[in-house]
Every structure is written in structure tokens, then in C-alpha cells.
Amino acid sequence: MGFYNGYEQKFLNLKSIMSWYTVKHPFAIEPAVIKYIMEVWGFVKKPIAVTLDPQGKVLCPNALNMMWIWGNSAFPFSSEKEESFWKVEAWTLELLVDRLEPNLPTWVSQQKVVCFYGGVQMEWIESFTTATKGVAKALDIGLEMVYVGKNNAKERVKKITGLIKEKQLSHAWEDENVWFFWNRLESMLYSKTQHGKTIENDVIKQEVMTMLAYDGSENGWAVFFTGSDEMVRANGEKVLSSMKSFDEWEKLAKQMGFIPALRKHLDGITDDHHCTRLILPGNGGGIPERVQCAECGRPMEMYFMYRCCVE
């Protein structure tokens, strides 16, 4: 019987494509070391990268968060370096999208409104993109729309991406970009949580949790940006109804601009009945103690969910 019923070959295959050192064989790791890695470093299933200095002192319990957010510029990947990056960071389009959208600098220079949206309900996507393009045409403003999928729904997103491209509804990212986008957002949340940032005093953490909560609701969502870092976001139901009822805020949009007018219109929509969920991996490196609802701001109740997902 082979090592773990064939896992040895999988291990060797992965080892052959890695550009860093690996142990020669998993059995070379002492049980006490495995126990330490799992209990002290918190490794369960999701990959972690613990960085050490030349003397073997831990610099950061999980530097993967930094790597996903800032790349090699965060070297030597210490907790101090991570803290220094957050001190100068702001909630901007560049932080959210990073280098995932190559056309972004051009769109910003052309002063276009950029809309990133997600979800897996095709009917909503068609209605939303069509209505939003109609609003942009009525206001004679440049608009670019980009579909960024949904977290942990690879096959559904792949199917919808194909339909979006076929019907020419908007731009749509490939699988790798979708995965990286959502992974970066989760990394931002865990990084902030590791540094003890609360949602009450941290705008970036609040916005990241709102985005993840939108994604967890199973419904659509959208966020609009301009080059001047003006931003407005909303869940799918609100933003679609706003686009369809554009005649109610058209005059305001022509006076104060698309994003300020949309924000004001959205603020006037009351939604007494809503369900907001924030779904996080159970071993992601720290769970926020207090989470506010993205819609009403009230504290959310915590539940446990067990999920087997083939995607």
C-alpha cells in the first residue's frame, strides 16, 4: 500500500514544480513538529507561510496575507512591515483591484465611471448591465463594467462568464483573476484582524467585510468608482431598482454627478427585510469578534456552518 493511498505521487508532483526547498518526504517531519505547526502556528488545511529571520525568530505567523495584498514589496514580510503598509493605505480602486484589470489606468485617465460587479444570477446580471448602460447613455458619461464572479463558485462563474462574453454584456475576468480577487479580500480581512483592527475604527476593514458579506448573500452586488476615488456600493436589489428608476434621480445626477446622486438615492431606500451573510473559512487565521451588517449596521449573530463544496 502506497503512502496514503497514492498521495506520495501527488506530493512528488507538487514538489517537482515548487521553486523553493521542500522536505524529502513527509515522514521526515517529527510528530512533535507537526503538532507545533498545527497548534501554535494554526495550520489546519489552508496554506500558510510563516516567515523567520536568520536566527529562526518568527517575523510573521502568516505572511501569505501580505504576499497576496502587496507582493514582494512587503519583503521581509514581518508583522512590523505589515503594520507600516496599513498605516499609509486607503480604500481606493487600486487597493481593491490591484493589477487584475490591465485597462484600469486607461479608464481612469479617460475619466470613465468603472463598475465592478458580482453574483451568479444571470437574470439579474442581464437586467443590471442593460439598465446601467442606459443610465450612462442618458447622462452621456463613459462607463466600463467588469464582472468579477463569486467566491468559491468556480464552475458557476465559468458558465456565467461565457454567457456574459457571448452576449457582450460587459468585461469579465478569467478564473485566475476571480480567485485572486476574492483571496486578496479575505487576506485583507485576516491581516487587519491579526493586527487587532476593529470595524468601528477602520474604513478598509469595514469595506472589505461589506464586500465579502455581499458575496455571501448569493445575490448580486455592484461597486462604482471614478478616478477621483469617488465610490458607491450596493447590493443587487438596491442597485438594480435604482437603475430602473433613474427618472427619479436623473435631474440630481445632472446637477451633482452620477456617483454622488446615486449615493444619495441609495441612502433614501429603506430595506427593513434583508438577509446578510459573511462566510469565512474556519481556519483562515482569526475570526473577527464583532461583525456589523452591511445593510443596517446592526451587530450580526454568529452561526456555525458545515459545508461540503465540490467546486
Protein backbone atom coordinates (compact mmCIF):
# COMPACT_ATOMS: atom_id res chain seq x y z
CA MET A 1 0.00 0.00 0.00
CA GLY A 2 1.49 3.35 -1.05
CA PHE A 3 1.88 6.35 1.17
CA TYR A 4 -1.66 7.47 1.98
CA ASN A 5 -3.12 5.57 -0.98
CA GLY A 6 -1.28 7.39 -3.73
CA TYR A 7 -0.70 10.75 -2.05
CA GLU A 8 3.06 10.18 -2.30
CA GLN A 9 2.95 10.62 -6.06
CA LYS A 10 0.89 13.79 -5.66
CA PHE A 11 3.46 15.03 -3.16
CA LEU A 12 6.31 14.31 -5.60
CA ASN A 13 4.47 16.03 -8.44
CA LEU A 14 3.91 19.17 -6.36
CA LYS A 15 7.49 19.08 -5.10
CA SER A 16 8.82 18.98 -8.68
CA ILE A 17 7.09 22.25 -9.64
CA MET A 18 7.96 24.19 -6.47
CA SER A 19 10.68 26.82 -6.73
CA TRP A 20 11.66 26.52 -3.07
CA TYR A 21 13.10 23.89 -0.78
CA THR A 22 10.89 21.05 0.43
CA VAL A 23 11.38 18.17 2.86
CA LYS A 24 12.43 14.98 1.11
CA HIS A 25 9.45 13.10 2.49
CA PRO A 26 6.54 14.00 4.83
CA PHE A 27 7.62 11.22 7.20
CA ALA A 28 10.86 13.16 7.78
CA ILE A 29 8.90 15.65 9.90
CA GLU A 30 8.76 14.69 13.57
CA PRO A 31 5.23 14.30 15.07
CA ALA A 32 6.07 16.95 17.69
CA VAL A 33 6.88 19.43 14.92
CA ILE A 34 3.60 18.67 13.14
CA LYS A 35 1.72 19.19 16.41
CA TYR A 36 3.53 22.53 16.95
CA ILE A 37 2.73 23.72 13.42
CA MET A 38 -0.95 22.88 13.85
CA GLU A 39 -1.47 24.08 17.42
CA VAL A 40 0.90 27.05 17.69
CA TRP A 41 1.08 28.26 14.10
CA GLY A 42 -2.60 27.42 13.49
CA PHE A 43 -2.22 25.39 10.31
CA VAL A 44 -5.21 23.16 9.54
CA LYS A 45 -5.83 22.97 5.82
CA LYS A 46 -5.48 26.38 4.22
CA PRO A 47 -1.83 27.15 3.25
CA ILE A 48 0.18 29.45 5.49
CA ALA A 49 3.65 31.00 5.12
CA VAL A 50 5.44 31.61 8.42
CA THR A 51 8.45 33.88 7.89
CA LEU A 52 11.59 33.58 10.01
CA ASP A 53 14.64 35.82 10.42
CA PRO A 54 18.22 34.42 10.02
CA GLN A 55 18.18 33.49 13.72
CA GLY A 56 14.97 31.48 13.37
CA LYS A 57 12.74 34.03 15.12
CA VAL A 58 9.19 34.26 13.74
CA LEU A 59 8.71 37.51 11.81
CA CYS A 60 5.08 36.90 10.87
CA PRO A 61 2.74 33.97 11.71
CA ASN A 62 1.26 34.08 8.19
CA ALA A 63 2.92 36.23 5.55
CA LEU A 64 0.65 34.93 2.76
CA ASN A 65 -1.76 37.76 3.53
CA MET A 66 0.97 40.31 2.82
CA MET A 67 2.09 38.47 -0.31
CA TRP A 68 -1.42 38.45 -1.78
CA ILE A 69 -2.02 42.13 -0.94
CA TRP A 70 1.35 43.80 -1.69
CA GLY A 71 3.54 41.17 -3.32
CA ASN A 72 7.32 41.31 -3.00
CA SER A 73 7.26 44.94 -1.89
CA ALA A 74 6.31 43.65 1.58
CA PHE A 75 9.67 41.86 1.99
CA PRO A 76 10.97 40.78 4.55
CA PHE A 77 7.32 40.00 5.38
CA SER A 78 7.45 40.94 9.04
CA SER A 79 4.48 41.96 11.19
CA GLU A 80 6.13 45.40 11.57
CA LYS A 81 6.30 45.77 7.80
CA GLU A 82 2.64 44.76 7.52
CA GLU A 83 1.63 47.37 10.10
CA SER A 84 3.62 50.08 8.30
CA PHE A 85 1.87 49.31 5.00
CA TRP A 86 -1.58 49.61 6.56
CA LYS A 87 -0.72 52.97 8.11
CA VAL A 88 -0.42 54.56 4.67
CA GLU A 89 -3.08 52.52 2.85
CA ALA A 90 -6.54 53.85 1.95
CA TRP A 91 -9.70 52.32 0.50
CA THR A 92 -9.14 53.02 -3.18
CA LEU A 93 -9.87 51.39 -6.50
CA GLU A 94 -6.21 50.41 -6.76
CA LEU A 95 -6.28 48.57 -3.43
CA LEU A 96 -9.44 46.68 -4.37
CA VAL A 97 -8.45 45.71 -7.89
CA ASP A 98 -4.64 45.74 -7.71
CA ARG A 99 -3.19 44.82 -11.14
CA LEU A 100 -6.03 42.48 -12.03
CA GLU A 101 -7.62 44.86 -14.55
CA PRO A 102 -4.96 46.00 -17.09
CA ASN A 103 -7.30 48.57 -18.66
CA LEU A 104 -7.90 50.40 -15.39
CA PRO A 105 -5.22 53.15 -15.81
CA THR A 106 -6.62 53.97 -19.26
CA TRP A 107 -10.21 54.12 -18.00
CA VAL A 108 -9.22 56.34 -15.09
CA SER A 109 -7.28 58.71 -17.39
CA GLN A 110 -10.38 58.90 -19.60
CA GLN A 111 -12.44 59.87 -16.52
CA LYS A 112 -14.81 56.98 -17.01
CA VAL A 113 -17.08 55.53 -14.35
CA VAL A 114 -15.89 52.00 -13.60
CA CYS A 115 -18.28 49.38 -12.24
CA PHE A 116 -17.16 46.08 -10.76
CA TYR A 117 -19.98 43.68 -10.04
CA GLY A 118 -20.52 40.08 -8.98
CA GLY A 119 -23.04 37.34 -8.33
CA VAL A 120 -24.27 34.23 -10.11
CA GLN A 121 -27.85 35.09 -11.07
CA MET A 122 -27.84 35.51 -14.84
CA GLU A 123 -31.23 37.23 -14.97
CA TRP A 124 -30.03 39.92 -12.55
CA ILE A 125 -26.75 40.35 -14.46
CA GLU A 126 -28.55 40.94 -17.75
CA SER A 127 -31.04 43.35 -16.22
CA PHE A 128 -28.39 45.26 -14.27
CA THR A 129 -25.87 45.69 -17.10
CA THR A 130 -28.58 46.74 -19.56
CA ALA A 131 -30.18 49.26 -17.17
CA THR A 132 -26.81 50.72 -16.12
CA LYS A 133 -25.69 51.21 -19.70
CA GLY A 134 -28.98 53.02 -20.31
CA VAL A 135 -28.28 55.39 -17.42
CA ALA A 136 -24.76 56.10 -18.69
CA LYS A 137 -26.11 56.85 -22.15
CA ALA A 138 -28.75 59.21 -20.78
CA LEU A 139 -26.07 61.09 -18.83
CA ASP A 140 -23.57 60.92 -21.72
CA ILE A 141 -20.80 59.56 -19.48
CA GLY A 142 -18.15 56.94 -20.15
CA LEU A 143 -18.81 53.61 -18.43
CA GLU A 144 -16.88 50.36 -18.14
CA MET A 145 -18.35 47.32 -16.39
CA VAL A 146 -16.36 44.31 -15.18
CA TYR A 147 -17.74 41.01 -13.87
CA VAL A 148 -15.61 39.65 -11.01
CA GLY A 149 -17.60 36.49 -10.26
CA LYS A 150 -18.23 34.94 -6.88
CA ASN A 151 -16.02 33.36 -4.22
CA ASN A 152 -15.83 29.55 -4.19
CA ALA A 153 -18.15 29.05 -7.15
CA LYS A 154 -15.71 28.25 -9.95
CA GLU A 155 -17.96 26.22 -12.24
CA ARG A 156 -20.97 28.55 -11.95
CA VAL A 157 -18.78 31.59 -12.56
CA LYS A 158 -17.15 29.95 -15.57
CA LYS A 159 -20.56 29.30 -17.13
CA ILE A 160 -21.79 32.84 -16.45
CA THR A 161 -18.56 34.39 -17.72
CA GLY A 162 -19.10 32.57 -21.01
CA LEU A 163 -22.65 33.92 -21.29
CA ILE A 164 -21.55 37.47 -20.45
CA LYS A 165 -18.93 37.40 -23.20
CA GLU A 166 -21.30 35.74 -25.66
CA LYS A 167 -23.98 38.39 -25.08
CA GLN A 168 -21.37 41.18 -24.82
CA LEU A 169 -22.85 42.43 -21.55
CA SER A 170 -19.56 43.61 -20.04
CA HIS A 171 -15.94 42.72 -19.46
CA ALA A 172 -15.40 39.52 -17.44
CA TRP A 173 -12.31 38.18 -15.68
CA GLU A 174 -10.82 34.74 -16.17
CA ASP A 175 -10.77 32.10 -13.41
CA GLU A 176 -7.34 33.06 -12.06
CA ASN A 177 -8.25 36.71 -11.60
CA VAL A 178 -11.57 35.87 -9.92
CA TRP A 179 -9.80 33.57 -7.45
CA PHE A 180 -7.08 36.13 -6.74
CA PHE A 181 -9.58 38.99 -6.26
CA TRP A 182 -11.55 37.16 -3.56
CA ASN A 183 -8.44 35.67 -1.98
CA ARG A 184 -6.95 39.17 -1.62
CA LEU A 185 -10.13 40.45 0.04
CA GLU A 186 -10.06 37.59 2.57
CA SER A 187 -6.35 38.25 3.11
CA MET A 188 -7.06 41.91 3.86
CA LEU A 189 -9.64 40.93 6.47
CA TYR A 190 -7.36 38.40 8.16
CA SER A 191 -4.42 40.82 8.07
CA LYS A 192 -6.50 43.54 9.71
CA THR A 193 -7.85 41.09 12.28
CA GLN A 194 -4.34 39.90 13.15
CA HIS A 195 -3.42 43.49 13.95
CA GLY A 196 -6.46 43.93 16.18
CA LYS A 197 -8.28 46.40 13.96
CA THR A 198 -11.97 46.73 14.79
CA ILE A 199 -14.65 47.51 12.25
CA GLU A 200 -15.67 50.67 14.14
CA ASN A 201 -12.37 52.48 13.59
CA ASP A 202 -11.12 51.02 10.31
CA VAL A 203 -12.72 52.01 7.00
CA ILE A 204 -10.79 49.46 4.94
CA LYS A 205 -11.81 46.56 7.17
CA GLN A 206 -15.42 47.71 7.12
CA GLU A 207 -15.47 47.94 3.32
CA VAL A 208 -13.78 44.55 2.90
CA MET A 209 -16.28 42.89 5.23
CA THR A 210 -19.13 44.54 3.34
CA MET A 211 -17.83 43.18 0.03
CA LEU A 212 -17.48 39.68 1.50
CA ALA A 213 -20.96 39.93 3.00
CA TYR A 214 -22.40 40.93 -0.38
CA ASP A 215 -20.75 37.87 -1.88
CA GLY A 216 -22.07 35.58 0.87
CA SER A 217 -25.68 36.65 0.28
CA GLU A 218 -25.93 34.70 -3.02
CA ASN A 219 -27.36 37.82 -4.67
CA GLY A 220 -25.68 40.30 -6.95
CA TRP A 221 -23.83 43.45 -5.93
CA ALA A 222 -22.03 46.37 -7.55
CA VAL A 223 -19.44 48.99 -6.70
CA PHE A 224 -18.88 52.14 -8.79
CA PHE A 225 -15.62 54.11 -8.86
CA THR A 226 -14.17 57.12 -10.64
CA GLY A 227 -10.56 58.23 -10.95
CA SER A 228 -11.07 60.77 -8.19
CA ASP A 229 -11.69 57.85 -5.78
CA GLU A 230 -15.38 58.63 -5.51
CA MET A 231 -17.10 55.36 -4.66
CA VAL A 232 -20.56 53.96 -4.04
CA ARG A 233 -21.62 50.36 -3.50
CA ALA A 234 -24.90 48.50 -3.01
CA ASN A 235 -26.44 45.06 -3.03
CA GLY A 236 -28.00 43.80 -6.22
CA GLU A 237 -31.63 44.51 -5.42
CA LYS A 238 -30.99 48.12 -4.44
CA VAL A 239 -28.66 48.97 -7.27
CA LEU A 240 -30.90 47.39 -9.93
CA SER A 241 -34.01 49.17 -8.68
CA SER A 242 -32.05 52.44 -8.68
CA MET A 243 -31.02 52.00 -12.30
CA LYS A 244 -34.56 51.10 -13.32
CA SER A 245 -35.98 54.16 -11.53
CA PHE A 246 -33.37 56.54 -12.94
CA ASP A 247 -36.04 59.10 -13.81
CA GLU A 248 -36.40 59.74 -10.06
CA TRP A 249 -32.78 60.96 -9.69
CA GLU A 250 -31.84 61.95 -13.24
CA LYS A 251 -32.10 65.66 -12.51
CA LEU A 252 -29.94 65.23 -9.40
CA ALA A 253 -27.34 63.27 -11.38
CA LYS A 254 -27.05 66.04 -13.95
CA GLN A 255 -26.56 68.57 -11.15
CA MET A 256 -24.08 66.80 -8.87
CA GLY A 257 -22.70 63.90 -10.91
CA PHE A 258 -23.51 60.20 -11.28
CA ILE A 259 -21.89 58.74 -8.14
CA PRO A 260 -22.96 61.43 -5.61
CA ALA A 261 -26.52 61.31 -6.96
CA LEU A 262 -26.64 57.51 -6.89
CA ARG A 263 -25.31 57.51 -3.32
CA LYS A 264 -27.98 59.98 -2.24
CA HIS A 265 -30.69 57.95 -3.97
CA LEU A 266 -29.50 54.70 -2.36
CA ASP A 267 -29.44 56.35 1.08
CA GLY A 268 -33.12 57.11 0.64
CA ILE A 269 -34.06 53.48 0.03
CA THR A 270 -35.18 51.72 3.19
CA ASP A 271 -34.92 47.96 3.40
CA ASP A 272 -36.44 46.59 6.59
CA HIS A 273 -36.25 42.97 5.45
CA HIS A 274 -32.83 41.76 4.40
CA CYS A 275 -30.55 38.79 4.99
CA THR A 276 -26.81 39.40 5.09
CA ARG A 277 -24.26 36.62 5.49
CA LEU A 278 -20.49 36.74 5.86
CA ILE A 279 -18.95 33.35 5.06
CA LEU A 280 -15.32 32.87 6.10
CA PRO A 281 -13.12 29.75 6.07
CA GLY A 282 -12.99 28.21 9.54
CA ASN A 283 -9.20 28.13 9.58
CA GLY A 284 -8.39 31.41 7.93
CA GLY A 285 -6.19 32.81 10.69
CA GLY A 286 -8.54 34.59 13.04
CA ILE A 287 -12.23 35.41 13.00
CA PRO A 288 -13.44 38.97 13.74
CA GLU A 289 -15.06 39.21 17.17
CA ARG A 290 -17.75 41.64 16.09
CA VAL A 291 -19.32 41.96 12.64
CA GLN A 292 -21.77 44.64 11.58
CA CYS A 293 -24.47 44.09 8.97
CA ALA A 294 -23.52 45.66 5.63
CA GLU A 295 -27.10 46.91 5.18
CA CYS A 296 -28.26 48.24 8.56
CA GLY A 297 -25.10 48.37 10.68
CA ARG A 298 -26.52 46.22 13.48
CA PRO A 299 -24.30 43.54 15.07
CA MET A 300 -24.68 40.20 13.28
CA GLU A 301 -25.30 36.93 15.06
CA MET A 302 -22.65 34.22 14.72
CA TYR A 303 -23.59 30.74 13.49
CA PHE A 304 -21.58 27.67 12.57
CA MET A 305 -21.90 26.26 9.06
CA TYR A 306 -20.55 22.95 7.80
CA ARG A 307 -20.23 22.79 4.03
CA CYS A 308 -19.03 20.23 1.52
CA CYS A 309 -18.43 22.04 -1.73
CA VAL A 310 -17.33 20.16 -4.85
CA GLU A 311 -16.27 23.40 -6.53
